[in-house]
Amino acid sequence: MASLFQFDKNRVADGVPGVVGVDEAGRGCFAGPVVAGAVWVRRAFYENSTPIKRGKFINDSKQISPETREEIFALVEHWERRGELVFSAGTASVREIDALNILGASRLAMQRAVEGILAKLPAGTPCPFATAGTDDAPLFDRGIAFPPMLVDGRPLTPFVWRHEAIVKGDATSLAVALASIVAKVSRDRMMVALDGEFPGYGFREHKGYGTPVHIAAIRSRGITPQHRLKFLRNLAAQSPDGIPGLEDLLPREDAEPAQSEFSF
């Protein structure tokens, strides 16, 4: 965590009130929503050495165990109660993924996560984040500095909030790493709940990803309302016996080959 902590701390100067990290989870899944996390780590957090000791295992959510992610999520809740950060999760539904494509839906989930932070602030609080503008516009308004907003991956275009995109940001910035954990834990809990609603698909174990077990369940059982249709086009095309609910995705004889984000 020390290097991630220092990366952010280097950006907290001249009255800058902390760092905002944004990341998503579930972008490549066959089923379930895409979920984004947003964490505003306040300046006071970086002026305190205690978090480094308590959160030494903080890292990209993909690099730590589910148990460690849950422990860190509990720490995030604790730090929010202490006023050292504010966090929120935002989602985009399967229907929104099919309508907007996964990039548009991920951007929507991220916007909702940031809006969730704003909803937690006291009524009447001026917006503390910089809205999108020209690339060289200073992050100041009436002489008050905005916290930089760091987003994992590539720039979001368009996006409501002015931000800096950092490839592998969840392994570089503490705020982004915390956002990735908030997103992952929040989404995993949703998928566990969906496992009870749609038993037999293994959502609790694979969390909606296209594992062999999940693919076998789709082929034998058909789809649920939580499956992303556009992600299953190739699977439908390569299932000669058909898959219940995916008949409309089968290519016509005069159509081009089925396309999707994934190949099998």
C-alpha atoms as a PDB file:
ATOM      1  CA  MET A   1       0.000   0.000   0.000  1.00  0.00           C
ATOM      2  CA  ALA A   2       2.870   2.381   0.732  1.00  0.00           C
ATOM      3  CA  SER A   3       3.627   3.128  -2.930  1.00  0.00           C
ATOM      4  CA  LEU A   4      -0.082   3.604  -3.737  1.00  0.00           C
ATOM      5  CA  PHE A   5      -0.439   5.887  -0.710  1.00  0.00           C
ATOM      6  CA  GLN A   6       2.587   7.937  -1.779  1.00  0.00           C
ATOM      7  CA  PHE A   7       1.348   8.206  -5.386  1.00  0.00           C
ATOM      8  CA  ASP A   8      -1.811   9.906  -4.173  1.00  0.00           C
ATOM      9  CA  LYS A   9      -0.116  11.909  -1.443  1.00  0.00           C
ATOM     10  CA  ASN A  10       2.109  13.521  -4.058  1.00  0.00           C
ATOM     11  CA  ARG A  11      -1.039  14.993  -5.601  1.00  0.00           C
ATOM     12  CA  VAL A  12      -2.353  16.438  -2.345  1.00  0.00           C
ATOM     13  CA  ALA A  13      -0.678  19.822  -2.126  1.00  0.00           C
ATOM     14  CA  ASP A  14      -1.571  23.494  -1.942  1.00  0.00           C
ATOM     15  CA  GLY A  15      -4.891  22.815  -0.259  1.00  0.00           C
ATOM     16  CA  VAL A  16      -6.077  20.075  -2.629  1.00  0.00           C
ATOM     17  CA  PRO A  17      -8.784  18.288  -0.581  1.00  0.00           C
ATOM     18  CA  GLY A  18      -7.850  14.702  -1.325  1.00  0.00           C
ATOM     19  CA  VAL A  19      -8.063  12.339  -4.283  1.00  0.00           C
ATOM     20  CA  VAL A  20     -11.069  10.656  -5.927  1.00  0.00           C
ATOM     21  CA  GLY A  21     -10.637   7.152  -7.344  1.00  0.00           C
ATOM     22  CA  VAL A  22     -13.100   5.479  -9.743  1.00  0.00           C
ATOM     23  CA  ASP A  23     -13.099   1.909 -11.065  1.00  0.00           C
ATOM     24  CA  GLU A  24     -15.539  -0.766 -12.223  1.00  0.00           C
ATOM     25  CA  ALA A  25     -16.110  -4.497 -11.828  1.00  0.00           C
ATOM     26  CA  GLY A  26     -17.923  -7.018 -14.004  1.00  0.00           C
ATOM     27  CA  ARG A  27     -17.195  -5.512 -17.372  1.00  0.00           C
ATOM     28  CA  GLY A  28     -16.390  -8.855 -19.029  1.00  0.00           C
ATOM     29  CA  CYS A  29     -19.147 -10.978 -17.503  1.00  0.00           C
ATOM     30  CA  PHE A  30     -21.900 -12.911 -19.288  1.00  0.00           C
ATOM     31  CA  ALA A  31     -24.438 -12.037 -16.597  1.00  0.00           C
ATOM     32  CA  GLY A  32     -25.251  -9.449 -13.971  1.00  0.00           C
ATOM     33  CA  PRO A  33     -24.830  -5.677 -13.777  1.00  0.00           C
ATOM     34  CA  VAL A  34     -21.630  -3.741 -14.183  1.00  0.00           C
ATOM     35  CA  VAL A  35     -20.764  -2.006 -10.905  1.00  0.00           C
ATOM     36  CA  ALA A  36     -18.513   0.986 -10.320  1.00  0.00           C
ATOM     37  CA  GLY A  37     -16.919   2.190  -7.127  1.00  0.00           C
ATOM     38  CA  ALA A  38     -15.990   5.788  -6.322  1.00  0.00           C
ATOM     39  CA  VAL A  39     -13.941   6.771  -3.276  1.00  0.00           C
ATOM     40  CA  TRP A  40     -13.057  10.312  -2.242  1.00  0.00           C
ATOM     41  CA  VAL A  41     -10.054   9.946   0.046  1.00  0.00           C
ATOM     42  CA  ARG A  42      -9.827  13.207   1.961  1.00  0.00           C
ATOM     43  CA  ARG A  43      -6.636  15.143   2.547  1.00  0.00           C
ATOM     44  CA  ALA A  44      -6.548  14.264   6.263  1.00  0.00           C
ATOM     45  CA  PHE A  45      -6.215  10.582   5.388  1.00  0.00           C
ATOM     46  CA  TYR A  46      -2.876  11.218   3.660  1.00  0.00           C
ATOM     47  CA  GLU A  47      -1.606  13.186   6.643  1.00  0.00           C
ATOM     48  CA  ASN A  48      -2.077  10.202   8.956  1.00  0.00           C
ATOM     49  CA  SER A  49       0.349   7.266   9.025  1.00  0.00           C
ATOM     50  CA  THR A  50      -2.124   4.893  10.701  1.00  0.00           C
ATOM     51  CA  PRO A  51      -3.973   3.907   7.493  1.00  0.00           C
ATOM     52  CA  ILE A  52      -0.717   2.628   5.978  1.00  0.00           C
ATOM     53  CA  LYS A  53      -0.333   0.197   8.884  1.00  0.00           C
ATOM     54  CA  ARG A  54      -3.973  -0.945   8.932  1.00  0.00           C
ATOM     55  CA  GLY A  55      -4.374  -1.211   5.181  1.00  0.00           C
ATOM     56  CA  LYS A  56      -1.047  -2.696   4.139  1.00  0.00           C
ATOM     57  CA  PHE A  57      -2.795  -5.304   1.949  1.00  0.00           C
ATOM     58  CA  ILE A  58      -4.696  -2.764  -0.145  1.00  0.00           C
ATOM     59  CA  ASN A  59      -4.099  -3.388  -3.833  1.00  0.00           C
ATOM     60  CA  ASP A  60      -5.886  -3.972  -7.114  1.00  0.00           C
ATOM     61  CA  SER A  61      -8.974  -6.019  -6.163  1.00  0.00           C
ATOM     62  CA  LYS A  62      -7.987  -8.753  -8.641  1.00  0.00           C
ATOM     63  CA  GLN A  63      -4.713  -9.321  -6.761  1.00  0.00           C
ATOM     64  CA  ILE A  64      -6.197 -10.066  -3.329  1.00  0.00           C
ATOM     65  CA  SER A  65      -8.440 -12.785  -1.950  1.00  0.00           C
ATOM     66  CA  PRO A  66     -12.206 -12.393  -1.417  1.00  0.00           C
ATOM     67  CA  GLU A  67     -11.638 -12.529   2.327  1.00  0.00           C
ATOM     68  CA  THR A  68      -9.088  -9.712   2.191  1.00  0.00           C
ATOM     69  CA  ARG A  69     -11.400  -7.651  -0.019  1.00  0.00           C
ATOM     70  CA  GLU A  70     -14.153  -7.965   2.581  1.00  0.00           C
ATOM     71  CA  GLU A  71     -11.743  -6.915   5.349  1.00  0.00           C
ATOM     72  CA  ILE A  72     -10.662  -3.861   3.374  1.00  0.00           C
ATOM     73  CA  PHE A  73     -14.283  -3.001   2.561  1.00  0.00           C
ATOM     74  CA  ALA A  74     -14.962  -2.995   6.327  1.00  0.00           C
ATOM     75  CA  LEU A  75     -11.979  -0.655   6.745  1.00  0.00           C
ATOM     76  CA  VAL A  76     -13.417   1.655   4.085  1.00  0.00           C
ATOM     77  CA  GLU A  77     -16.679   1.790   6.048  1.00  0.00           C
ATOM     78  CA  HIS A  78     -14.705   2.511   9.225  1.00  0.00           C
ATOM     79  CA  TRP A  79     -12.738   5.310   7.573  1.00  0.00           C
ATOM     80  CA  GLU A  80     -15.948   6.828   6.244  1.00  0.00           C
ATOM     81  CA  ARG A  81     -17.420   6.890   9.744  1.00  0.00           C
ATOM     82  CA  ARG A  82     -14.269   8.708  10.890  1.00  0.00           C
ATOM     83  CA  GLY A  83     -14.741  11.273   8.124  1.00  0.00           C
ATOM     84  CA  GLU A  84     -11.514  10.339   6.328  1.00  0.00           C
ATOM     85  CA  LEU A  85     -13.189   9.323   3.090  1.00  0.00           C
ATOM     86  CA  VAL A  86     -16.568   9.048   1.343  1.00  0.00           C
ATOM     87  CA  PHE A  87     -17.444   6.135  -0.917  1.00  0.00           C
ATOM     88  CA  SER A  88     -20.287   4.882  -3.072  1.00  0.00           C
ATOM     89  CA  ALA A  89     -21.127   2.175  -5.591  1.00  0.00           C
ATOM     90  CA  GLY A  90     -23.124   2.711  -8.775  1.00  0.00           C
ATOM     91  CA  THR A  91     -24.624   0.126 -11.108  1.00  0.00           C
ATOM     92  CA  ALA A  92     -25.799  -0.218 -14.678  1.00  0.00           C
ATOM     93  CA  SER A  93     -28.292  -2.992 -15.333  1.00  0.00           C
ATOM     94  CA  VAL A  94     -28.170  -5.785 -17.878  1.00  0.00           C
ATOM     95  CA  ARG A  95     -30.822  -3.956 -19.889  1.00  0.00           C
ATOM     96  CA  GLU A  96     -28.654  -0.822 -19.905  1.00  0.00           C
ATOM     97  CA  ILE A  97     -25.630  -2.872 -20.960  1.00  0.00           C
ATOM     98  CA  ASP A  98     -27.551  -4.290 -23.920  1.00  0.00           C
ATOM     99  CA  ALA A  99     -28.846  -0.831 -24.862  1.00  0.00           C
ATOM    100  CA  LEU A 100     -25.668   1.234 -24.373  1.00  0.00           C
ATOM    101  CA  ASN A 101     -22.965  -1.431 -24.913  1.00  0.00           C
ATOM    102  CA  ILE A 102     -20.584  -2.277 -22.093  1.00  0.00           C
ATOM    103  CA  LEU A 103     -18.493   0.882 -22.451  1.00  0.00           C
ATOM    104  CA  GLY A 104     -21.500   3.180 -22.229  1.00  0.00           C
ATOM    105  CA  ALA A 105     -22.945   1.199 -19.330  1.00  0.00           C
ATOM    106  CA  SER A 106     -19.629   1.250 -17.453  1.00  0.00           C
ATOM    107  CA  ARG A 107     -19.452   5.018 -17.885  1.00  0.00           C
ATOM    108  CA  LEU A 108     -23.027   5.316 -16.586  1.00  0.00           C
ATOM    109  CA  ALA A 109     -22.223   3.185 -13.530  1.00  0.00           C
ATOM    110  CA  MET A 110     -19.177   5.357 -12.804  1.00  0.00           C
ATOM    111  CA  GLN A 111     -21.241   8.526 -13.069  1.00  0.00           C
ATOM    112  CA  ARG A 112     -23.790   7.064 -10.654  1.00  0.00           C
ATOM    113  CA  ALA A 113     -21.031   6.102  -8.218  1.00  0.00           C
ATOM    114  CA  VAL A 114     -19.703   9.673  -8.141  1.00  0.00           C
ATOM    115  CA  GLU A 115     -23.245  10.991  -7.756  1.00  0.00           C
ATOM    116  CA  GLY A 116     -23.617   8.601  -4.811  1.00  0.00           C
ATOM    117  CA  ILE A 117     -20.735  10.380  -3.070  1.00  0.00           C
ATOM    118  CA  LEU A 118     -22.412  13.744  -3.668  1.00  0.00           C
ATOM    119  CA  ALA A 119     -25.659  12.387  -2.189  1.00  0.00           C
ATOM    120  CA  LYS A 120     -23.844  11.624   1.074  1.00  0.00           C
ATOM    121  CA  LEU A 121     -22.624  15.186   1.548  1.00  0.00           C
ATOM    122  CA  PRO A 122     -24.588  17.594   3.782  1.00  0.00           C
ATOM    123  CA  ALA A 123     -27.464  19.377   2.074  1.00  0.00           C
ATOM    124  CA  GLY A 124     -26.381  22.585   0.411  1.00  0.00           C
ATOM    125  CA  THR A 125     -22.744  21.545   0.012  1.00  0.00           C
ATOM    126  CA  PRO A 126     -21.291  23.018  -3.213  1.00  0.00           C
ATOM    127  CA  CYS A 127     -20.203  20.396  -5.716  1.00  0.00           C
ATOM    128  CA  PRO A 128     -16.618  19.528  -4.730  1.00  0.00           C
ATOM    129  CA  PHE A 129     -15.648  17.970  -8.078  1.00  0.00           C
ATOM    130  CA  ALA A 130     -14.618  19.643 -11.313  1.00  0.00           C
ATOM    131  CA  THR A 131     -17.022  19.258 -14.199  1.00  0.00           C
ATOM    132  CA  ALA A 132     -15.658  18.334 -17.610  1.00  0.00           C
ATOM    133  CA  GLY A 133     -14.010  21.136 -19.555  1.00  0.00           C
ATOM    134  CA  THR A 134     -11.022  21.778 -21.715  1.00  0.00           C
ATOM    135  CA  ASP A 135      -7.959  19.656 -21.049  1.00  0.00           C
ATOM    136  CA  ASP A 136      -5.855  22.625 -19.932  1.00  0.00           C
ATOM    137  CA  ALA A 137      -8.486  24.173 -17.660  1.00  0.00           C
ATOM    138  CA  PRO A 138      -7.197  24.559 -14.089  1.00  0.00           C
ATOM    139  CA  LEU A 139      -8.880  22.522 -11.366  1.00  0.00           C
ATOM    140  CA  PHE A 140      -9.921  25.605  -9.431  1.00  0.00           C
ATOM    141  CA  ASP A 141     -13.158  27.444  -8.893  1.00  0.00           C
ATOM    142  CA  ARG A 142     -13.236  30.736  -7.006  1.00  0.00           C
ATOM    143  CA  GLY A 143      -9.759  29.930  -5.735  1.00  0.00           C
ATOM    144  CA  ILE A 144     -10.758  26.589  -4.200  1.00  0.00           C
ATOM    145  CA  ALA A 145      -8.900  23.494  -5.448  1.00  0.00           C
ATOM    146  CA  PHE A 146     -10.843  20.430  -6.566  1.00  0.00           C
ATOM    147  CA  PRO A 147      -9.598  16.933  -5.718  1.00  0.00           C
ATOM    148  CA  PRO A 148      -8.187  15.226  -8.816  1.00  0.00           C
ATOM    149  CA  MET A 149     -10.419  12.420 -10.074  1.00  0.00           C
ATOM    150  CA  LEU A 150      -8.435   9.347 -11.166  1.00  0.00           C
ATOM    151  CA  VAL A 151     -10.155   6.704 -13.302  1.00  0.00           C
ATOM    152  CA  ASP A 152      -8.740   3.271 -14.001  1.00  0.00           C
ATOM    153  CA  GLY A 153      -8.136   2.571 -17.687  1.00  0.00           C
ATOM    154  CA  ARG A 154      -8.585   4.927 -20.603  1.00  0.00           C
ATOM    155  CA  PRO A 155     -10.268   8.355 -20.688  1.00  0.00           C
ATOM    156  CA  LEU A 156     -14.057   8.367 -20.459  1.00  0.00           C
ATOM    157  CA  THR A 157     -15.541  10.257 -23.406  1.00  0.00           C
ATOM    158  CA  PRO A 158     -17.907  11.856 -22.758  1.00  0.00           C
ATOM    159  CA  PHE A 159     -17.986  12.067 -18.964  1.00  0.00           C
ATOM    160  CA  VAL A 160     -19.560  14.590 -16.624  1.00  0.00           C
ATOM    161  CA  TRP A 161     -16.502  14.946 -14.406  1.00  0.00           C
ATOM    162  CA  ARG A 162     -13.053  16.144 -15.322  1.00  0.00           C
ATOM    163  CA  HIS A 163     -10.688  13.264 -14.712  1.00  0.00           C
ATOM    164  CA  GLU A 164      -7.320  11.702 -15.392  1.00  0.00           C
ATOM    165  CA  ALA A 165      -7.247   8.167 -16.800  1.00  0.00           C
ATOM    166  CA  ILE A 166      -4.514   5.879 -15.497  1.00  0.00           C
ATOM    167  CA  VAL A 167      -3.885   2.504 -17.119  1.00  0.00           C
ATOM    168  CA  LYS A 168      -3.583  -0.054 -14.298  1.00  0.00           C
ATOM    169  CA  GLY A 169      -4.651   2.689 -11.944  1.00  0.00           C
ATOM    170  CA  ASP A 170      -5.937   0.152  -9.431  1.00  0.00           C
ATOM    171  CA  ALA A 171      -2.326  -0.989  -8.926  1.00  0.00           C
ATOM    172  CA  THR A 172      -0.966   2.581  -8.913  1.00  0.00           C
ATOM    173  CA  SER A 173      -3.293   4.817  -6.877  1.00  0.00           C
ATOM    174  CA  LEU A 174      -4.645   4.130  -3.405  1.00  0.00           C
ATOM    175  CA  ALA A 175      -7.956   5.856  -4.172  1.00  0.00           C
ATOM    176  CA  VAL A 176      -8.435   3.822  -7.358  1.00  0.00           C
ATOM    177  CA  ALA A 177      -7.481   0.587  -5.583  1.00  0.00           C
ATOM    178  CA  LEU A 178     -10.092   1.306  -2.898  1.00  0.00           C
ATOM    179  CA  ALA A 179     -12.651   2.063  -5.623  1.00  0.00           C
ATOM    180  CA  SER A 180     -11.872  -1.254  -7.305  1.00  0.00           C
ATOM    181  CA  ILE A 181     -12.465  -3.075  -4.011  1.00  0.00           C
ATOM    182  CA  VAL A 182     -15.735  -1.226  -3.394  1.00  0.00           C
ATOM    183  CA  ALA A 183     -16.894  -2.151  -6.899  1.00  0.00           C
ATOM    184  CA  LYS A 184     -15.811  -5.792  -6.670  1.00  0.00           C
ATOM    185  CA  VAL A 185     -17.228  -6.473  -3.195  1.00  0.00           C
ATOM    186  CA  SER A 186     -20.502  -4.705  -4.024  1.00  0.00           C
ATOM    187  CA  ARG A 187     -20.924  -6.660  -7.260  1.00  0.00           C
ATOM    188  CA  ASP A 188     -19.955 -10.006  -5.713  1.00  0.00           C
ATOM    189  CA  ARG A 189     -22.629  -9.528  -3.070  1.00  0.00           C
ATOM    190  CA  MET A 190     -25.194  -8.809  -5.797  1.00  0.00           C
ATOM    191  CA  MET A 191     -24.227 -11.970  -7.658  1.00  0.00           C
ATOM    192  CA  VAL A 192     -24.527 -14.068  -4.496  1.00  0.00           C
ATOM    193  CA  ALA A 193     -28.055 -12.693  -4.082  1.00  0.00           C
ATOM    194  CA  LEU A 194     -28.831 -13.545  -7.732  1.00  0.00           C
ATOM    195  CA  ASP A 195     -27.622 -17.095  -7.108  1.00  0.00           C
ATOM    196  CA  GLY A 196     -30.540 -17.524  -4.742  1.00  0.00           C
ATOM    197  CA  GLU A 197     -32.947 -16.053  -7.276  1.00  0.00           C
ATOM    198  CA  PHE A 198     -31.617 -18.122 -10.184  1.00  0.00           C
ATOM    199  CA  PRO A 199     -30.231 -21.380  -8.740  1.00  0.00           C
ATOM    200  CA  GLY A 200     -28.322 -23.815 -10.893  1.00  0.00           C
ATOM    201  CA  TYR A 201     -26.164 -21.325 -12.772  1.00  0.00           C
ATOM    202  CA  GLY A 202     -23.375 -21.000 -10.221  1.00  0.00           C
ATOM    203  CA  PHE A 203     -23.524 -17.221  -9.874  1.00  0.00           C
ATOM    204  CA  ARG A 204     -22.214 -17.510  -6.310  1.00  0.00           C
ATOM    205  CA  GLU A 205     -19.005 -19.146  -7.532  1.00  0.00           C
ATOM    206  CA  HIS A 206     -18.170 -17.556 -10.900  1.00  0.00           C
ATOM    207  CA  LYS A 207     -19.984 -14.221 -10.360  1.00  0.00           C
ATOM    208  CA  GLY A 208     -21.352 -14.240 -13.912  1.00  0.00           C
ATOM    209  CA  TYR A 209     -18.090 -14.757 -15.789  1.00  0.00           C
ATOM    210  CA  GLY A 210     -17.996 -17.102 -18.771  1.00  0.00           C
ATOM    211  CA  THR A 211     -16.516 -20.144 -17.088  1.00  0.00           C
ATOM    212  CA  PRO A 212     -17.041 -23.662 -18.508  1.00  0.00           C
ATOM    213  CA  VAL A 213     -19.546 -24.369 -15.718  1.00  0.00           C
ATOM    214  CA  HIS A 214     -21.502 -21.229 -16.556  1.00  0.00           C
ATOM    215  CA  ILE A 215     -21.492 -21.958 -20.300  1.00  0.00           C
ATOM    216  CA  ALA A 216     -22.693 -25.520 -19.664  1.00  0.00           C
ATOM    217  CA  ALA A 217     -25.533 -24.198 -17.488  1.00  0.00           C
ATOM    218  CA  ILE A 218     -26.613 -21.730 -20.195  1.00  0.00           C
ATOM    219  CA  ARG A 219     -26.648 -24.473 -22.812  1.00  0.00           C
ATOM    220  CA  SER A 220     -28.675 -26.838 -20.656  1.00  0.00           C
ATOM    221  CA  ARG A 221     -31.000 -24.374 -18.899  1.00  0.00           C
ATOM    222  CA  GLY A 222     -31.231 -21.402 -21.253  1.00  0.00           C
ATOM    223  CA  ILE A 223     -30.811 -17.833 -20.119  1.00  0.00           C
ATOM    224  CA  THR A 224     -32.144 -15.697 -17.287  1.00  0.00           C
ATOM    225  CA  PRO A 225     -33.169 -12.028 -17.339  1.00  0.00           C
ATOM    226  CA  GLN A 226     -29.711 -11.344 -15.878  1.00  0.00           C
ATOM    227  CA  HIS A 227     -27.814 -12.588 -18.937  1.00  0.00           C
ATOM    228  CA  ARG A 228     -26.284 -10.078 -21.365  1.00  0.00           C
ATOM    229  CA  LEU A 229     -27.656 -11.004 -24.770  1.00  0.00           C
ATOM    230  CA  LYS A 230     -25.025  -9.246 -26.864  1.00  0.00           C
ATOM    231  CA  PHE A 231     -22.282 -11.109 -25.022  1.00  0.00           C
ATOM    232  CA  LEU A 232     -23.812 -14.470 -25.958  1.00  0.00           C
ATOM    233  CA  ARG A 233     -24.001 -14.152 -29.747  1.00  0.00           C
ATOM    234  CA  ASN A 234     -21.023 -16.354 -30.479  1.00  0.00           C
ATOM    235  CA  LEU A 235     -22.168 -18.901 -27.924  1.00  0.00           C
ATOM    236  CA  ALA A 236     -25.584 -19.043 -29.611  1.00  0.00           C
ATOM    237  CA  ALA A 237     -23.993 -19.385 -33.047  1.00  0.00           C
ATOM    238  CA  GLN A 238     -21.771 -22.244 -31.858  1.00  0.00           C
ATOM    239  CA  SER A 239     -24.560 -24.217 -30.170  1.00  0.00           C
ATOM    240  CA  PRO A 240     -26.125 -26.359 -32.938  1.00  0.00           C
ATOM    241  CA  ASP A 241     -28.861 -27.653 -30.649  1.00  0.00           C
ATOM    242  CA  GLY A 242     -29.922 -24.113 -29.793  1.00  0.00           C
ATOM    243  CA  ILE A 243     -30.181 -22.322 -26.477  1.00  0.00           C
ATOM    244  CA  PRO A 244     -33.592 -21.375 -25.041  1.00  0.00           C
ATOM    245  CA  GLY A 245     -33.991 -17.622 -25.159  1.00  0.00           C
ATOM    246  CA  LEU A 246     -31.210 -17.014 -27.676  1.00  0.00           C
ATOM    247  CA  GLU A 247     -33.048 -17.929 -30.852  1.00  0.00           C
ATOM    248  CA  ASP A 248     -33.127 -14.308 -32.028  1.00  0.00           C
ATOM    249  CA  LEU A 249     -29.342 -14.132 -31.786  1.00  0.00           C
ATOM    250  CA  LEU A 250     -28.781 -16.903 -34.340  1.00  0.00           C
ATOM    251  CA  PRO A 251     -27.437 -15.469 -37.596  1.00  0.00           C
ATOM    252  CA  ARG A 252     -29.572 -15.665 -40.703  1.00  0.00           C
ATOM    253  CA  GLU A 253     -28.116 -17.479 -43.683  1.00  0.00           C
ATOM    254  CA  ASP A 254     -27.662 -14.172 -45.490  1.00  0.00           C
ATOM    255  CA  ALA A 255     -26.242 -12.347 -42.478  1.00  0.00           C
ATOM    256  CA  GLU A 256     -22.661 -11.741 -41.482  1.00  0.00           C
ATOM    257  CA  PRO A 257     -21.130 -14.070 -38.834  1.00  0.00           C
ATOM    258  CA  ALA A 258     -22.162 -13.384 -35.256  1.00  0.00           C
ATOM    259  CA  GLN A 259     -20.000 -10.930 -33.373  1.00  0.00           C
ATOM    260  CA  SER A 260     -19.476 -10.253 -29.677  1.00  0.00           C
ATOM    261  CA  GLU A 261     -16.873  -8.968 -27.263  1.00  0.00           C
ATOM    262  CA  PHE A 262     -15.583 -12.516 -26.828  1.00  0.00           C
ATOM    263  CA  SER A 263     -14.605 -15.551 -28.875  1.00  0.00           C
ATOM    264  CA  PHE A 264     -14.839 -19.140 -27.758  1.00  0.00           C
END
